């Protein structure tokens, strides 16, 4: 027997489109010529629908990652980068591929490394999602950007324990907050000066009244 498998779309009598996998078998006669073909069809419509839905979901997820402004990254339990999204380069100025297989420590401000290690350990140990403390990451030009990350634990198909994080740049937010505080301090200082001016004016007025009374008595 000569078997040949193929899969194609078929239209049922009621108009439904069905994906059928055909197992074809050739029947030979006594002169070794093909006398008939026997085809056995298997309905793979549901499997095909699931595969198409999965491909669409993966394509959508990939598009979100590639176009996300936030930095999406994966670390193993040792803190080594296993994946970094393209937005890494937009933020820090050098290709994401350069950090794969390297520890996150050298890229983070020395004062922020230990808090990040404690955060990573807590997420991987408890399995509970959480927000990281604020940390600073160095740009290619030497400047520091401030970030916070939302992360969760994940176990891949190989059984490897991983951390998936989404880092959000809060540098401009912190600058705006600092400017607001500076304006508040300036306003408070101005109010204090104004109060002192009013107080000084009142004292001068009272003192002038005393001087007039003294002058009149003289």
N, C-alpha and C. Protein backbone atom coordinates (compact mmCIF):
# COMPACT_ATOMS: atom_id res chain seq x y z
N UNK A 1 0.84 -1.19 0.00
CA UNK A 1 0.00 0.00 0.00
C UNK A 1 0.88 1.25 0.00
N UNK A 2 0.42 2.27 -0.72
CA UNK A 2 1.11 3.55 -0.80
C UNK A 2 0.25 4.61 -0.13
N UNK A 3 0.68 5.11 1.05
CA UNK A 3 -0.12 6.08 1.80
C UNK A 3 0.39 7.49 1.52
N UNK A 4 -0.55 8.39 1.41
CA UNK A 4 -0.22 9.80 1.24
C UNK A 4 -1.18 10.62 2.08
N UNK A 5 -0.63 11.44 2.98
CA UNK A 5 -1.45 12.25 3.85
C UNK A 5 -1.47 13.70 3.36
N UNK A 6 -2.62 14.30 3.42
CA UNK A 6 -2.73 15.72 3.12
C UNK A 6 -3.92 16.29 3.88
N UNK A 7 -3.91 17.60 4.03
CA UNK A 7 -4.99 18.27 4.75
C UNK A 7 -5.45 19.46 3.91
N UNK A 8 -6.76 19.58 3.78
CA UNK A 8 -7.30 20.71 3.02
C UNK A 8 -8.68 21.10 3.55
N UNK A 9 -9.14 22.25 3.08
CA UNK A 9 -10.44 22.76 3.50
C UNK A 9 -11.53 22.23 2.59
N UNK A 10 -12.60 21.80 3.21
CA UNK A 10 -13.73 21.24 2.46
C UNK A 10 -15.02 21.96 2.89
N UNK A 11 -15.98 22.01 2.00
CA UNK A 11 -17.26 22.65 2.29
C UNK A 11 -18.32 21.57 2.43
N UNK A 12 -18.94 21.52 3.60
CA UNK A 12 -19.98 20.54 3.87
C UNK A 12 -21.28 20.93 3.15
N UNK A 13 -22.24 20.02 3.12
CA UNK A 13 -23.50 20.27 2.44
C UNK A 13 -24.24 21.46 3.05
N UNK A 14 -24.09 21.64 4.37
CA UNK A 14 -24.78 22.75 5.04
C UNK A 14 -24.00 24.06 4.99
N UNK A 15 -22.89 24.09 4.23
CA UNK A 15 -22.13 25.31 4.06
C UNK A 15 -20.97 25.48 5.01
N UNK A 16 -20.85 24.61 6.00
CA UNK A 16 -19.76 24.71 6.95
C UNK A 16 -18.43 24.37 6.27
N UNK A 17 -17.38 25.10 6.68
CA UNK A 17 -16.04 24.84 6.16
C UNK A 17 -15.31 23.91 7.13
N UNK A 18 -14.87 22.79 6.63
CA UNK A 18 -14.23 21.77 7.46
C UNK A 18 -12.81 21.52 6.97
N UNK A 19 -11.89 21.42 7.94
CA UNK A 19 -10.53 21.03 7.60
C UNK A 19 -10.41 19.53 7.82
N UNK A 20 -10.13 18.81 6.73
CA UNK A 20 -10.07 17.34 6.77
C UNK A 20 -8.66 16.87 6.46
N UNK A 21 -8.18 15.98 7.31
CA UNK A 21 -6.90 15.31 7.04
C UNK A 21 -7.20 13.98 6.36
N UNK A 22 -6.65 13.82 5.16
CA UNK A 22 -6.93 12.62 4.37
C UNK A 22 -5.76 11.65 4.43
N UNK A 23 -6.10 10.39 4.71
CA UNK A 23 -5.14 9.30 4.60
C UNK A 23 -5.52 8.48 3.38
N UNK A 24 -4.70 8.58 2.35
CA UNK A 24 -5.03 7.94 1.08
C UNK A 24 -4.25 6.65 0.90
N UNK A 25 -4.95 5.64 0.43
CA UNK A 25 -4.32 4.33 0.23
C UNK A 25 -4.66 3.82 -1.17
N UNK A 26 -3.64 3.43 -1.90
CA UNK A 26 -3.84 2.89 -3.26
C UNK A 26 -4.00 1.37 -3.19
N UNK A 27 -5.01 0.84 -3.88
CA UNK A 27 -5.25 -0.60 -3.98
C UNK A 27 -4.81 -1.06 -5.37
N UNK A 28 -3.91 -2.06 -5.40
CA UNK A 28 -3.39 -2.54 -6.67
C UNK A 28 -4.06 -3.86 -7.05
N UNK A 29 -4.21 -4.04 -8.36
CA UNK A 29 -4.77 -5.30 -8.85
C UNK A 29 -3.66 -6.32 -9.09
N UNK A 30 -4.00 -7.44 -9.70
CA UNK A 30 -3.03 -8.52 -9.89
C UNK A 30 -1.90 -8.14 -10.84
N UNK A 31 -2.15 -7.14 -11.70
CA UNK A 31 -1.10 -6.70 -12.63
C UNK A 31 -0.31 -5.51 -12.07
N UNK A 32 -0.49 -5.29 -10.80
CA UNK A 32 0.23 -4.22 -10.10
C UNK A 32 -0.16 -2.83 -10.58
N UNK A 33 -1.39 -2.72 -11.05
CA UNK A 33 -1.92 -1.40 -11.43
C UNK A 33 -2.90 -0.94 -10.34
N UNK A 34 -3.01 0.36 -10.20
CA UNK A 34 -3.91 0.92 -9.20
C UNK A 34 -5.34 0.68 -9.65
N UNK A 35 -6.07 -0.05 -8.85
CA UNK A 35 -7.46 -0.32 -9.19
C UNK A 35 -8.41 0.65 -8.51
N UNK A 36 -8.03 1.12 -7.33
CA UNK A 36 -8.88 2.09 -6.63
C UNK A 36 -8.06 2.79 -5.55
N UNK A 37 -8.60 3.94 -5.14
CA UNK A 37 -8.00 4.73 -4.05
C UNK A 37 -8.99 4.77 -2.90
N UNK A 38 -8.50 4.43 -1.74
CA UNK A 38 -9.33 4.49 -0.55
C UNK A 38 -8.86 5.67 0.30
N UNK A 39 -9.76 6.58 0.58
CA UNK A 39 -9.44 7.76 1.38
C UNK A 39 -10.23 7.74 2.68
N UNK A 40 -9.52 7.95 3.75
CA UNK A 40 -10.15 8.05 5.06
C UNK A 40 -9.91 9.46 5.59
N UNK A 41 -11.00 10.16 5.83
CA UNK A 41 -10.88 11.55 6.27
C UNK A 41 -11.09 11.71 7.77
N UNK A 42 -10.30 12.60 8.33
CA UNK A 42 -10.43 12.91 9.76
C UNK A 42 -10.71 14.40 9.92
N UNK A 43 -11.74 14.73 10.65
CA UNK A 43 -12.13 16.13 10.83
C UNK A 43 -11.18 16.81 11.83
N UNK A 44 -10.36 17.74 11.32
CA UNK A 44 -9.43 18.48 12.15
C UNK A 44 -9.84 19.96 12.28
N UNK A 45 -11.10 20.24 12.07
CA UNK A 45 -11.56 21.63 12.09
C UNK A 45 -11.29 22.31 13.42
N UNK A 46 -11.62 21.62 14.52
CA UNK A 46 -11.43 22.22 15.84
C UNK A 46 -9.96 22.43 16.14
N UNK A 47 -9.13 21.44 15.78
CA UNK A 47 -7.69 21.59 15.99
C UNK A 47 -7.15 22.75 15.17
N UNK A 48 -7.63 22.87 13.95
CA UNK A 48 -7.18 23.96 13.08
C UNK A 48 -7.62 25.31 13.65
N UNK A 49 -8.83 25.36 14.21
CA UNK A 49 -9.32 26.61 14.80
C UNK A 49 -8.46 27.02 15.98
N UNK A 50 -8.11 26.03 16.82
CA UNK A 50 -7.28 26.31 17.99
C UNK A 50 -5.89 26.77 17.56
N UNK A 51 -5.32 26.10 16.55
CA UNK A 51 -3.99 26.48 16.06
C UNK A 51 -4.00 27.91 15.51
N UNK A 52 -5.03 28.24 14.73
CA UNK A 52 -5.13 29.59 14.16
C UNK A 52 -5.30 30.64 15.26
N UNK A 53 -6.12 30.30 16.27
CA UNK A 53 -6.33 31.23 17.38
C UNK A 53 -5.03 31.44 18.15
N UNK A 54 -4.26 30.36 18.34
CA UNK A 54 -2.99 30.44 19.05
C UNK A 54 -1.99 31.29 18.27
N UNK A 55 -1.94 31.09 16.94
CA UNK A 55 -1.04 31.88 16.11
C UNK A 55 -1.41 33.36 16.16
N UNK A 56 -2.70 33.64 16.12
CA UNK A 56 -3.15 35.03 16.19
C UNK A 56 -2.81 35.65 17.55
N UNK A 57 -3.00 34.86 18.61
CA UNK A 57 -2.69 35.34 19.94
C UNK A 57 -1.20 35.61 20.08
N UNK A 58 -0.37 34.70 19.56
CA UNK A 58 1.08 34.88 19.63
C UNK A 58 1.52 36.10 18.83
N UNK A 59 0.90 36.30 17.65
CA UNK A 59 1.24 37.46 16.82
C UNK A 59 0.86 38.75 17.53
N UNK A 60 -0.31 38.76 18.17
CA UNK A 60 -0.76 39.95 18.91
C UNK A 60 0.17 40.23 20.08
N UNK A 61 0.52 39.17 20.82
CA UNK A 61 1.42 39.32 21.97
C UNK A 61 2.79 39.83 21.53
N UNK A 62 3.30 39.30 20.41
CA UNK A 62 4.60 39.73 19.89
C UNK A 62 4.56 41.19 19.48
N UNK A 63 3.44 41.60 18.86
CA UNK A 63 3.29 43.00 18.45
C UNK A 63 3.29 43.92 19.66
N UNK A 64 2.58 43.51 20.72
CA UNK A 64 2.54 44.32 21.94
C UNK A 64 3.94 44.47 22.54
N UNK A 65 4.70 43.39 22.58
CA UNK A 65 6.05 43.43 23.15
C UNK A 65 6.96 44.32 22.32
N UNK A 66 6.92 44.15 20.99
CA UNK A 66 7.81 44.89 20.11
C UNK A 66 7.51 46.38 20.10
N UNK A 67 6.26 46.75 20.38
CA UNK A 67 5.87 48.16 20.31
C UNK A 67 5.63 48.78 21.69
N UNK A 68 5.83 48.01 22.74
CA UNK A 68 5.60 48.54 24.08
C UNK A 68 6.68 49.56 24.44
N UNK A 69 6.25 50.68 25.03
CA UNK A 69 7.22 51.67 25.50
C UNK A 69 7.91 51.18 26.76
N UNK A 70 7.20 50.41 27.59
CA UNK A 70 7.80 49.83 28.78
C UNK A 70 8.80 48.75 28.40
N UNK A 71 9.75 48.50 29.29
CA UNK A 71 10.77 47.47 29.05
C UNK A 71 10.28 46.15 29.64
N UNK A 72 10.06 45.17 28.77
CA UNK A 72 9.63 43.84 29.21
C UNK A 72 10.85 42.93 29.23
N UNK A 73 11.07 42.26 30.36
CA UNK A 73 12.29 41.47 30.48
C UNK A 73 12.02 40.21 31.30
N UNK A 74 12.91 39.22 31.12
CA UNK A 74 12.83 37.97 31.86
C UNK A 74 14.18 37.69 32.50
N UNK A 75 14.15 37.34 33.79
CA UNK A 75 15.36 36.98 34.53
C UNK A 75 15.23 35.55 35.04
N UNK A 76 16.34 34.84 35.12
CA UNK A 76 16.30 33.55 35.80
C UNK A 76 16.53 33.77 37.29
N UNK A 77 16.58 32.71 38.05
CA UNK A 77 16.68 32.84 39.51
C UNK A 77 18.01 33.43 39.95
N UNK A 78 19.02 33.46 39.06
CA UNK A 78 20.31 34.06 39.38
C UNK A 78 20.36 35.54 39.01
N UNK A 79 19.26 36.06 38.45
CA UNK A 79 19.25 37.46 38.05
C UNK A 79 19.86 37.70 36.69
N UNK A 80 19.95 36.65 35.88
CA UNK A 80 20.51 36.77 34.53
C UNK A 80 19.41 37.04 33.53
N UNK A 81 19.67 37.97 32.62
CA UNK A 81 18.69 38.30 31.59
C UNK A 81 18.53 37.14 30.61
N UNK A 82 17.28 36.68 30.44
CA UNK A 82 16.97 35.65 29.46
C UNK A 82 16.27 36.25 28.24
N UNK A 83 15.62 37.38 28.44
CA UNK A 83 14.92 38.07 27.35
C UNK A 83 14.78 39.54 27.72
N UNK A 84 14.90 40.40 26.71
CA UNK A 84 14.67 41.83 26.88
C UNK A 84 13.98 42.35 25.63
N UNK A 85 12.94 43.14 25.80
CA UNK A 85 12.18 43.65 24.66
C UNK A 85 12.96 44.76 23.94
N UNK A 86 12.59 45.05 22.67
CA UNK A 86 13.30 46.08 21.89
C UNK A 86 13.30 47.46 22.52
N UNK A 87 12.33 47.75 23.40
CA UNK A 87 12.27 49.08 24.01
C UNK A 87 13.49 49.36 24.89
N UNK A 88 14.25 48.33 25.24
CA UNK A 88 15.47 48.53 26.01
C UNK A 88 16.38 49.52 25.29
N UNK A 89 16.57 49.31 24.00
CA UNK A 89 17.45 50.19 23.23
C UNK A 89 16.90 51.60 23.14
N UNK A 90 15.57 51.75 23.03
CA UNK A 90 14.98 53.08 22.96
C UNK A 90 15.24 53.86 24.25
N UNK A 91 15.28 53.17 25.37
CA UNK A 91 15.50 53.84 26.65
C UNK A 91 16.98 54.06 26.95
N UNK A 92 17.80 53.04 26.71
CA UNK A 92 19.17 53.07 27.22
C UNK A 92 20.24 53.26 26.15
N UNK A 93 19.85 53.14 24.87
CA UNK A 93 20.77 53.51 23.81
C UNK A 93 21.64 52.41 23.25
N UNK A 94 21.52 51.19 23.73
CA UNK A 94 22.29 50.10 23.15
C UNK A 94 21.40 48.87 23.00
N UNK A 95 21.75 47.97 22.05
CA UNK A 95 20.87 46.86 21.70
C UNK A 95 20.52 45.95 22.87
N UNK A 96 19.28 45.48 22.87
CA UNK A 96 18.83 44.57 23.92
C UNK A 96 19.62 43.27 23.91
N UNK A 97 20.08 42.86 22.73
CA UNK A 97 20.81 41.60 22.63
C UNK A 97 22.11 41.59 23.42
N UNK A 98 22.63 42.77 23.74
CA UNK A 98 23.90 42.83 24.46
C UNK A 98 23.77 42.38 25.91
N UNK A 99 22.56 42.43 26.45
CA UNK A 99 22.39 42.10 27.87
C UNK A 99 21.97 40.65 28.10
N UNK A 100 21.55 39.96 27.03
CA UNK A 100 21.11 38.57 27.19
C UNK A 100 22.27 37.71 27.71
N UNK A 101 21.99 36.95 28.76
CA UNK A 101 23.01 36.09 29.35
C UNK A 101 23.88 36.80 30.38
N UNK A 102 23.57 38.07 30.67
CA UNK A 102 24.35 38.83 31.65
C UNK A 102 23.48 39.15 32.87
N UNK A 103 24.13 39.37 34.00
CA UNK A 103 23.43 39.71 35.23
C UNK A 103 22.91 41.14 35.16
N UNK A 104 21.78 41.38 35.83
CA UNK A 104 21.20 42.72 35.80
C UNK A 104 22.01 43.71 36.64
N UNK A 105 22.82 43.20 37.60
CA UNK A 105 23.52 44.04 38.56
C UNK A 105 24.33 45.18 37.95
N UNK A 106 25.19 44.91 36.95
CA UNK A 106 26.03 45.98 36.41
C UNK A 106 25.25 47.11 35.73
N UNK A 107 24.00 46.89 35.41
CA UNK A 107 23.22 47.92 34.72
C UNK A 107 22.43 48.80 35.70
N UNK A 108 22.39 48.38 36.96
CA UNK A 108 21.61 49.08 37.97
C UNK A 108 22.54 49.87 38.88
N UNK A 109 22.07 51.01 39.38
CA UNK A 109 22.86 51.83 40.30
C UNK A 109 23.28 50.99 41.51
N UNK A 110 24.55 51.10 41.94
CA UNK A 110 25.04 50.26 43.06
C UNK A 110 24.17 50.34 44.31
N UNK A 111 23.59 51.51 44.59
CA UNK A 111 22.76 51.65 45.78
C UNK A 111 21.42 50.91 45.66
N UNK A 112 21.03 50.57 44.42
CA UNK A 112 19.72 49.96 44.19
C UNK A 112 19.79 48.45 43.95
N UNK A 113 20.99 47.89 43.84
CA UNK A 113 21.13 46.47 43.50
C UNK A 113 20.54 45.58 44.59
N UNK A 114 20.91 45.82 45.84
CA UNK A 114 20.45 44.94 46.93
C UNK A 114 18.93 44.98 47.08
N UNK A 115 18.28 46.15 47.08
CA UNK A 115 16.81 46.15 47.12
C UNK A 115 16.18 45.38 45.97
N UNK A 116 16.81 45.44 44.79
CA UNK A 116 16.27 44.69 43.65
C UNK A 116 16.43 43.19 43.84
N UNK A 117 17.57 42.78 44.42
CA UNK A 117 17.79 41.35 44.70
C UNK A 117 16.75 40.85 45.70
N UNK A 118 16.49 41.63 46.73
CA UNK A 118 15.50 41.24 47.74
C UNK A 118 14.11 41.16 47.12
N UNK A 119 13.80 42.08 46.23
CA UNK A 119 12.50 42.05 45.54
C UNK A 119 12.38 40.81 44.65
N UNK A 120 13.41 40.53 43.87
CA UNK A 120 13.40 39.37 42.98
C UNK A 120 13.25 38.08 43.78
N UNK A 121 13.98 37.97 44.87
CA UNK A 121 13.91 36.78 45.71
C UNK A 121 12.51 36.60 46.28
N UNK A 122 11.89 37.68 46.71
CA UNK A 122 10.55 37.60 47.30
C UNK A 122 9.53 37.12 46.26
N UNK A 123 9.61 37.64 45.05
CA UNK A 123 8.66 37.24 44.01
C UNK A 123 8.84 35.77 43.66
N UNK A 124 10.09 35.33 43.48
CA UNK A 124 10.35 33.95 43.09
C UNK A 124 10.03 32.97 44.22
N UNK A 125 10.18 33.41 45.45
CA UNK A 125 9.94 32.53 46.60
C UNK A 125 8.45 32.39 46.91
N UNK A 126 7.75 33.51 46.92
CA UNK A 126 6.34 33.49 47.31
C UNK A 126 5.40 33.20 46.15
N UNK A 127 5.83 33.54 44.94
CA UNK A 127 4.95 33.37 43.78
C UNK A 127 3.91 34.46 43.65
N UNK A 128 3.98 35.47 44.51
CA UNK A 128 3.03 36.57 44.48
C UNK A 128 3.57 37.72 43.63
N UNK A 129 2.74 38.26 42.76
CA UNK A 129 3.14 39.39 41.93
C UNK A 129 3.31 40.63 42.81
N UNK A 130 4.13 41.56 42.35
CA UNK A 130 4.34 42.75 43.15
C UNK A 130 5.11 43.82 42.39
N UNK A 131 5.13 45.01 42.97
CA UNK A 131 5.83 46.15 42.39
C UNK A 131 7.17 46.33 43.08
N UNK A 132 8.18 46.58 42.30
CA UNK A 132 9.54 46.71 42.82
C UNK A 132 9.75 48.06 43.49
N UNK A 133 10.81 48.18 44.29
CA UNK A 133 11.22 49.51 44.75
C UNK A 133 11.77 50.29 43.55
N UNK A 134 11.90 51.57 43.71
CA UNK A 134 12.44 52.39 42.63
C UNK A 134 13.91 52.04 42.43
N UNK A 135 14.34 51.92 41.18
CA UNK A 135 15.74 51.63 40.88
C UNK A 135 16.19 52.44 39.67
N UNK A 136 17.50 52.65 39.58
CA UNK A 136 18.05 53.45 38.51
C UNK A 136 18.87 52.57 37.56
N UNK A 137 18.69 52.82 36.26
CA UNK A 137 19.41 52.06 35.23
C UNK A 137 20.24 53.04 34.41
N UNK A 138 21.47 52.65 34.11
CA UNK A 138 22.41 53.54 33.44
C UNK A 138 22.22 53.53 31.92
N UNK A 139 22.16 54.73 31.34
CA UNK A 139 22.11 54.88 29.89
C UNK A 139 23.51 54.79 29.30
N UNK A 140 23.56 54.67 27.98
CA UNK A 140 24.84 54.58 27.29
C UNK A 140 25.64 55.86 27.43
N UNK A 141 24.94 57.00 27.66
CA UNK A 141 25.62 58.28 27.82
C UNK A 141 26.04 58.56 29.26
N UNK A 142 25.79 57.60 30.17
CA UNK A 142 26.20 57.75 31.55
C UNK A 142 25.13 58.29 32.48
N UNK A 143 24.03 58.79 31.92
CA UNK A 143 22.94 59.28 32.76
C UNK A 143 22.13 58.13 33.32
N UNK A 144 21.38 58.41 34.39
CA UNK A 144 20.58 57.40 35.06
C UNK A 144 19.09 57.67 34.83
N UNK A 145 18.35 56.61 34.53
CA UNK A 145 16.90 56.70 34.42
C UNK A 145 16.27 55.94 35.58
N UNK A 146 15.22 56.50 36.14
CA UNK A 146 14.54 55.87 37.28
C UNK A 146 13.39 54.99 36.80
N UNK A 147 13.30 53.80 37.36
CA UNK A 147 12.29 52.82 36.94
C UNK A 147 11.62 52.18 38.15
N UNK A 148 10.42 51.66 37.92
CA UNK A 148 9.79 50.68 38.81
C UNK A 148 9.30 49.55 37.91
N UNK A 149 9.23 48.35 38.46
CA UNK A 149 8.82 47.19 37.67
C UNK A 149 7.69 46.44 38.37
N UNK A 150 6.78 45.95 37.57
CA UNK A 150 5.75 45.02 38.05
C UNK A 150 6.15 43.64 37.55
N UNK A 151 6.26 42.68 38.48
CA UNK A 151 6.77 41.38 38.09
C UNK A 151 6.01 40.22 38.69
N UNK A 152 6.22 39.06 38.09
CA UNK A 152 5.58 37.84 38.57
C UNK A 152 6.48 36.65 38.28
N UNK A 153 6.21 35.56 38.99
CA UNK A 153 6.98 34.33 38.78
C UNK A 153 6.37 33.53 37.64
N UNK A 154 7.24 32.81 36.92
CA UNK A 154 6.79 32.01 35.77
C UNK A 154 7.68 30.78 35.64
N UNK A 155 7.08 29.65 35.33
CA UNK A 155 7.83 28.42 35.09
C UNK A 155 7.64 28.04 33.62
N UNK A 156 8.74 27.97 32.87
CA UNK A 156 8.65 27.70 31.44
C UNK A 156 8.45 26.21 31.18
N UNK A 157 8.40 25.84 29.90
CA UNK A 157 8.12 24.45 29.52
C UNK A 157 9.23 23.49 29.93
N UNK A 158 10.42 24.04 30.22
CA UNK A 158 11.53 23.19 30.66
C UNK A 158 11.59 23.08 32.18
N UNK A 159 10.64 23.70 32.85
CA UNK A 159 10.62 23.65 34.30
C UNK A 159 11.52 24.67 34.96
N UNK A 160 12.03 25.63 34.19
CA UNK A 160 12.92 26.64 34.74
C UNK A 160 12.13 27.77 35.39
N UNK A 161 12.54 28.15 36.60
CA UNK A 161 11.89 29.21 37.34
C UNK A 161 12.38 30.56 36.83
N UNK A 162 11.44 31.39 36.39
CA UNK A 162 11.79 32.67 35.79
C UNK A 162 11.00 33.82 36.43
N UNK A 163 11.53 35.01 36.27
CA UNK A 163 10.85 36.24 36.68
C UNK A 163 10.53 37.05 35.43
N UNK A 164 9.28 37.41 35.25
CA UNK A 164 8.88 38.26 34.13
C UNK A 164 8.51 39.63 34.68
N UNK A 165 9.17 40.66 34.18
CA UNK A 165 8.94 42.00 34.68
C UNK A 165 8.60 42.98 33.57
N UNK A 166 7.86 44.01 33.94
CA UNK A 166 7.55 45.12 33.03
C UNK A 166 8.06 46.39 33.70
N UNK A 167 9.15 46.94 33.19
CA UNK A 167 9.76 48.12 33.78
C UNK A 167 9.19 49.40 33.19
N UNK A 168 8.80 50.32 34.06
CA UNK A 168 8.19 51.57 33.62
C UNK A 168 9.08 52.75 34.01
N UNK A 169 9.39 53.60 33.04
CA UNK A 169 10.26 54.75 33.24
C UNK A 169 9.50 55.85 34.00
N UNK A 170 9.98 56.21 35.19
CA UNK A 170 9.32 57.25 35.99
C UNK A 170 10.22 58.47 36.14
N UNK A 171 11.24 58.58 35.29
CA UNK A 171 12.19 59.68 35.41
C UNK A 171 11.51 61.04 35.30
N UNK A 172 10.70 61.23 34.27
CA UNK A 172 10.03 62.51 34.07
C UNK A 172 9.01 62.76 35.19
N UNK A 173 8.38 61.71 35.64
CA UNK A 173 7.42 61.84 36.74
C UNK A 173 8.11 62.36 38.00
N UNK A 174 9.29 61.82 38.29
CA UNK A 174 10.03 62.26 39.47
C UNK A 174 10.51 63.70 39.31
N UNK A 175 10.92 64.06 38.08
CA UNK A 175 11.34 65.44 37.83
C UNK A 175 10.17 66.39 38.05
N UNK A 176 8.99 66.02 37.54
CA UNK A 176 7.81 66.87 37.72
C UNK A 176 7.46 67.01 39.20
N UNK A 177 7.60 65.90 39.94
CA UNK A 177 7.31 65.93 41.37
C UNK A 177 8.30 66.84 42.10
N UNK A 178 9.58 66.77 41.71
CA UNK A 178 10.60 67.61 42.33
C UNK A 178 10.35 69.08 42.02
N UNK A 179 9.94 69.38 40.77
CA UNK A 179 9.62 70.76 40.40
C UNK A 179 8.44 71.28 41.20
N UNK A 180 7.45 70.42 41.40
CA UNK A 180 6.29 70.82 42.18
C UNK A 180 6.69 71.15 43.62
N UNK A 181 7.55 70.30 44.21
CA UNK A 181 8.00 70.55 45.57
C UNK A 181 8.81 71.84 45.66
N UNK A 182 9.64 72.11 44.63
CA UNK A 182 10.41 73.35 44.61
C UNK A 182 9.50 74.56 44.56
N UNK A 183 8.45 74.48 43.73
CA UNK A 183 7.50 75.59 43.65
C UNK A 183 6.78 75.80 44.98
N UNK A 184 6.43 74.69 45.63
CA UNK A 184 5.78 74.80 46.94
C UNK A 184 6.72 75.45 47.96
N UNK A 185 8.00 75.07 47.92
CA UNK A 185 8.96 75.67 48.84
C UNK A 185 9.14 77.16 48.56
N UNK A 186 9.18 77.51 47.26
CA UNK A 186 9.31 78.92 46.89
C UNK A 186 8.08 79.71 47.34
N UNK A 187 6.90 79.13 47.15
CA UNK A 187 5.68 79.80 47.57
C UNK A 187 5.65 79.99 49.08
N UNK A 188 6.06 78.97 49.82
CA UNK A 188 6.09 79.06 51.28
C UNK A 188 7.08 80.14 51.72
N UNK A 189 8.23 80.18 51.05
CA UNK A 189 9.23 81.20 51.38
C UNK A 189 8.69 82.59 51.09
N UNK A 190 7.99 82.73 49.96
CA UNK A 190 7.40 84.02 49.60
C UNK A 190 6.35 84.45 50.62
N UNK A 191 5.55 83.48 51.06
CA UNK A 191 4.53 83.79 52.07
C UNK A 191 5.16 84.21 53.38
N UNK A 192 6.27 83.57 53.74
CA UNK A 192 6.96 83.94 54.96
C UNK A 192 7.50 85.37 54.86
N UNK A 193 8.08 85.70 53.69
CA UNK A 193 8.61 87.06 53.50
C UNK A 193 7.49 88.08 53.55
N UNK A 194 6.36 87.73 52.94
CA UNK A 194 5.22 88.64 52.96
C UNK A 194 4.73 88.85 54.39
N UNK A 195 4.69 87.77 55.18
CA UNK A 195 4.26 87.89 56.57
C UNK A 195 5.23 88.76 57.36
N UNK A 196 6.52 88.58 57.10
CA UNK A 196 7.52 89.41 57.78
C UNK A 196 7.37 90.87 57.40
N UNK A 197 7.04 91.13 56.13
CA UNK A 197 6.84 92.50 55.66
C UNK A 197 5.66 93.15 56.35
N UNK A 198 4.57 92.38 56.46
CA UNK A 198 3.38 92.90 57.14
C UNK A 198 3.70 93.19 58.61
N UNK A 199 4.43 92.24 59.25
CA UNK A 199 4.79 92.41 60.65
C UNK A 199 5.69 93.63 60.83
N UNK A 200 6.67 93.78 59.95
CA UNK A 200 7.58 94.92 60.03
C UNK A 200 6.83 96.22 59.81
N UNK A 201 5.89 96.21 58.86
CA UNK A 201 5.10 97.41 58.60
C UNK A 201 4.27 97.80 59.81
N UNK A 202 3.69 96.79 60.48
CA UNK A 202 2.88 97.07 61.67
C UNK A 202 3.73 97.64 62.79
N UNK A 203 4.92 97.04 62.98
CA UNK A 203 5.82 97.53 64.02
C UNK A 203 6.24 98.98 63.73
N UNK A 204 6.56 99.25 62.46
CA UNK A 204 6.97 100.61 62.08
C UNK A 204 5.84 101.60 62.32
N UNK A 205 4.61 101.18 62.02
CA UNK A 205 3.46 102.06 62.23
C UNK A 205 3.28 102.37 63.71
N UNK A 206 3.35 101.33 64.55
CA UNK A 206 3.21 101.53 65.99
C UNK A 206 4.34 102.40 66.53
N UNK A 207 5.55 102.15 66.04
CA UNK A 207 6.69 102.92 66.49
C UNK A 207 6.56 104.40 66.09
N UNK A 208 6.02 104.62 64.89
CA UNK A 208 5.81 105.99 64.42
C UNK A 208 4.80 106.72 65.29
N UNK A 209 3.75 105.99 65.72
CA UNK A 209 2.74 106.59 66.61
C UNK A 209 3.38 107.00 67.94
N UNK A 210 4.27 106.11 68.45
CA UNK A 210 4.96 106.42 69.70
C UNK A 210 5.84 107.66 69.54
N UNK A 211 6.54 107.74 68.41
CA UNK A 211 7.41 108.88 68.17
C UNK A 211 6.62 110.18 68.10
N UNK A 212 5.44 110.12 67.46
CA UNK A 212 4.59 111.31 67.39
C UNK A 212 4.12 111.74 68.77
N UNK A 213 3.76 110.74 69.60
CA UNK A 213 3.30 111.09 70.96
C UNK A 213 4.44 111.71 71.74
N UNK A 214 5.63 111.14 71.63
CA UNK A 214 6.80 111.69 72.33
C UNK A 214 7.11 113.10 71.84
N UNK A 215 7.05 113.29 70.55
CA UNK A 215 7.35 114.61 69.95
C UNK A 215 6.35 115.63 70.43
N UNK A 216 5.06 115.24 70.53
CA UNK A 216 4.02 116.17 71.01
C UNK A 216 4.25 116.55 72.45
N UNK A 217 4.66 115.60 73.28
CA UNK A 217 4.91 115.90 74.69
C UNK A 217 6.11 116.81 74.84
N UNK A 218 7.12 116.60 73.99
CA UNK A 218 8.29 117.47 74.06
C UNK A 218 7.92 118.89 73.69
